[in-house]
Amino acid sequence: FLSQAHERGAKAALVSQDCHYQIPRGLVHWVVDDTVYAYQQLAFLHRSQLKIPIVAITGSAGKTTTRELICALLRPLGKILSSSQNNNNDIGVPLTLLQADSSHSAVVVEMGMRGIGEIKRLSCCSHPDIAVITNVGSAHIGLLGSQEEIARAKSEITSYLNASGVVIIPAGFPLLE
């Protein structure tokens, strides 16, 4: 899609070192080992320049509802940017972060999960100030094998939490406490 992106006004591209397609003349590009990782690192660089709080939400259920409630609570502070649709993965979270600018008062992102390590990657590119785990259910039991492993995976949201950040978890849930 390099030619189409360039024709539509893309100013630059991340290109896999394995790419065998012609790169359009005049398209600034960086050749990288892993385009998704590089994309997430660009999102982190952008996020690190923002002087606004990032709220990250994960959980087996209720992420979207919680996101909408948090956005409603924050709206009196000004313009709030949040994840849209299913932009809660390795591509969607960086996409949301890259849309943030100084006109926003906060960013609220959902973090979905398919397995161990994914939430940690999303935490790495977002460095949240507030991390919310809505719950730990059995939705991923087939992938992870136990509710304990699901809790461990969801807890990755704290991997890159701001040092003075806050974690919000369900009360009385021993796997998270």
Protein backbone atom coordinates (compact mmCIF):
# COMPACT_ATOMS: atom_id res chain seq x y z
CA PHE A 1 0.00 0.00 0.00
CA LEU A 2 3.01 2.32 -0.16
CA SER A 3 2.02 3.88 -3.49
CA GLN A 4 -1.59 4.39 -2.38
CA ALA A 5 -0.48 5.92 0.92
CA HIS A 6 1.89 8.26 -0.86
CA GLU A 7 -0.80 9.26 -3.39
CA ARG A 8 -3.17 10.05 -0.50
CA GLY A 9 -0.65 12.36 1.13
CA ALA A 10 1.38 10.18 3.48
CA LYS A 11 4.50 12.09 4.43
CA ALA A 12 6.50 9.08 5.61
CA ALA A 13 6.32 5.32 6.03
CA LEU A 14 7.76 2.50 8.08
CA VAL A 15 8.90 -0.21 5.71
CA SER A 16 9.81 -3.76 6.65
CA GLN A 17 13.31 -4.81 5.73
CA ASP A 18 11.62 -7.76 4.02
CA CYS A 19 9.64 -5.48 1.69
CA HIS A 20 10.23 -6.23 -1.96
CA TYR A 21 7.95 -3.54 -3.39
CA GLN A 22 9.07 -0.36 -5.05
CA ILE A 23 9.07 2.58 -2.63
CA PRO A 24 7.55 5.66 -4.25
CA ARG A 25 10.05 8.36 -5.16
CA GLY A 26 9.97 11.18 -2.62
CA LEU A 27 8.37 9.14 0.16
CA VAL A 28 10.44 9.52 3.30
CA HIS A 29 10.74 6.07 4.85
CA TRP A 30 12.52 4.10 7.54
CA VAL A 31 13.45 0.48 6.97
CA VAL A 32 12.86 -1.44 10.20
CA ASP A 33 12.96 -5.03 11.43
CA ASP A 34 9.44 -4.93 12.90
CA THR A 35 6.96 -2.35 11.58
CA VAL A 36 4.44 -2.84 14.40
CA TYR A 37 7.11 -2.35 17.08
CA ALA A 38 8.47 0.73 15.27
CA TYR A 39 4.93 2.12 14.97
CA GLN A 40 4.39 1.62 18.71
CA GLN A 41 7.70 3.33 19.44
CA LEU A 42 6.64 6.33 17.33
CA ALA A 43 3.41 6.46 19.33
CA PHE A 44 5.41 6.36 22.56
CA LEU A 45 7.68 9.17 21.35
CA HIS A 46 4.61 11.26 20.53
CA ARG A 47 2.96 10.34 23.85
CA SER A 48 6.11 11.32 25.79
CA GLN A 49 5.83 14.84 24.36
CA LEU A 50 2.21 15.20 25.46
CA LYS A 51 1.61 16.91 28.77
CA ILE A 52 -1.78 15.30 29.31
CA PRO A 53 -2.91 12.27 31.33
CA ILE A 54 -3.44 8.90 29.69
CA VAL A 55 -6.09 6.58 31.13
CA ALA A 56 -5.78 2.94 30.05
CA ILE A 57 -8.55 0.37 30.50
CA THR A 58 -8.48 -3.39 30.18
CA GLY A 59 -10.63 -6.24 31.42
CA SER A 60 -12.49 -9.31 30.28
CA ALA A 61 -15.71 -7.32 29.89
CA GLY A 62 -16.93 -3.77 30.28
CA LYS A 63 -14.01 -1.93 28.67
CA THR A 64 -16.11 0.15 26.28
CA THR A 65 -18.73 1.03 28.89
CA THR A 66 -16.00 2.01 31.34
CA ARG A 67 -14.24 4.05 28.66
CA GLU A 68 -17.44 5.96 27.90
CA LEU A 69 -18.13 6.60 31.60
CA ILE A 70 -14.58 7.88 32.17
CA CYS A 71 -14.83 10.13 29.11
CA ALA A 72 -18.13 11.55 30.39
CA LEU A 73 -16.55 12.23 33.79
CA LEU A 74 -13.54 13.95 32.22
CA ARG A 75 -15.45 16.08 29.69
CA PRO A 76 -15.74 19.10 32.03
CA LEU A 77 -11.92 19.31 31.83
CA GLY A 78 -12.03 19.93 28.07
CA LYS A 79 -11.59 17.94 24.88
CA ILE A 80 -11.10 14.21 25.55
CA LEU A 81 -9.67 11.81 22.98
CA SER A 82 -10.61 8.16 23.29
CA SER A 83 -10.29 4.88 21.46
CA SER A 84 -12.98 4.38 18.87
CA GLN A 85 -14.59 1.21 17.61
CA ASN A 86 -12.23 -1.71 18.23
CA ASN A 87 -8.99 0.29 18.21
CA ASN A 88 -7.75 -1.51 21.31
CA ASN A 89 -4.89 -3.58 19.90
CA ASP A 90 -1.27 -3.29 18.69
CA ILE A 91 -2.37 -0.99 15.84
CA GLY A 92 -5.37 0.81 17.36
CA VAL A 93 -3.81 2.03 20.62
CA PRO A 94 -0.86 3.71 18.83
CA LEU A 95 -3.30 5.13 16.27
CA THR A 96 -5.30 6.75 19.06
CA LEU A 97 -2.18 8.10 20.79
CA LEU A 98 -0.87 9.57 17.53
CA GLN A 99 -4.13 11.55 17.15
CA ALA A 100 -3.61 13.32 20.49
CA ASP A 101 -2.37 16.89 20.59
CA SER A 102 -2.19 19.86 22.94
CA SER A 103 -5.88 20.63 22.41
CA HIS A 104 -6.80 17.49 24.37
CA SER A 105 -7.16 17.46 28.14
CA ALA A 106 -6.77 13.66 28.40
CA VAL A 107 -6.63 10.45 26.38
CA VAL A 108 -8.63 7.35 27.29
CA VAL A 109 -7.57 4.11 25.60
CA GLU A 110 -8.95 0.60 25.71
CA MET A 111 -6.50 -2.26 25.70
CA GLY A 112 -7.71 -5.58 24.38
CA MET A 113 -5.81 -8.80 24.66
CA ARG A 114 -5.29 -12.04 22.78
CA GLY A 115 -2.45 -13.38 24.91
CA ILE A 116 0.43 -12.80 27.29
CA GLY A 117 2.58 -9.80 26.39
CA GLU A 118 0.03 -7.80 24.38
CA ILE A 119 -1.14 -5.54 27.22
CA LYS A 120 2.51 -5.00 28.21
CA ARG A 121 3.30 -3.78 24.67
CA LEU A 122 0.32 -1.41 24.78
CA SER A 123 1.36 -0.17 28.21
CA CYS A 124 4.86 0.44 26.82
CA CYS A 125 3.65 2.71 24.04
CA SER A 126 1.11 4.56 26.22
CA HIS A 127 2.82 4.84 29.62
CA PRO A 128 -0.56 5.38 31.31
CA ASP A 129 -1.08 7.66 34.30
CA ILE A 130 -4.18 5.74 35.38
CA ALA A 131 -4.70 2.03 34.73
CA VAL A 132 -8.13 0.43 35.12
CA ILE A 133 -8.80 -3.31 35.16
CA THR A 134 -12.56 -3.78 34.95
CA ASN A 135 -12.57 -7.50 35.78
CA VAL A 136 -10.97 -10.84 35.07
CA GLY A 137 -13.35 -13.33 33.50
CA SER A 138 -12.95 -16.55 31.63
CA ALA A 139 -13.14 -15.15 28.07
CA HIS A 140 -9.48 -16.01 27.36
CA ILE A 141 -9.28 -19.28 29.28
CA GLY A 142 -8.74 -21.23 26.04
CA LEU A 143 -5.66 -19.13 25.24
CA LEU A 144 -4.21 -18.75 28.71
CA GLY A 145 -5.42 -21.83 30.57
CA SER A 146 -6.52 -20.33 33.88
CA GLN A 147 -8.05 -17.29 35.48
CA GLU A 148 -4.74 -16.71 37.28
CA GLU A 149 -2.95 -16.37 33.92
CA ILE A 150 -5.69 -14.06 32.64
CA ALA A 151 -5.22 -11.87 35.74
CA ARG A 152 -1.45 -11.87 35.15
CA ALA A 153 -1.96 -10.82 31.52
CA LYS A 154 -4.44 -8.06 32.43
CA SER A 155 -2.05 -6.81 35.15
CA GLU A 156 0.53 -6.09 32.45
CA ILE A 157 -1.29 -2.75 32.12
CA THR A 158 0.84 -1.61 35.07
CA SER A 159 4.15 -2.52 33.37
CA TYR A 160 4.85 1.04 32.26
CA LEU A 161 2.50 2.90 34.57
CA ASN A 162 3.68 6.39 35.49
CA ALA A 163 5.67 6.15 38.75
CA SER A 164 3.06 8.30 40.50
CA GLY A 165 0.20 6.62 38.65
CA VAL A 166 -2.92 4.98 40.00
CA VAL A 167 -4.29 1.48 39.44
CA ILE A 168 -8.03 0.88 39.80
CA ILE A 169 -9.17 -2.72 40.28
CA PRO A 170 -12.37 -4.43 41.43
CA ALA A 171 -12.59 -4.57 45.22
CA GLY A 172 -12.31 -7.96 46.81
CA PHE A 173 -10.77 -9.74 43.83
CA PRO A 174 -7.77 -11.63 45.26
CA LEU A 175 -6.14 -12.42 41.90
CA LEU A 176 -5.60 -8.69 41.32
CA GLU A 177 -5.02 -7.51 44.88
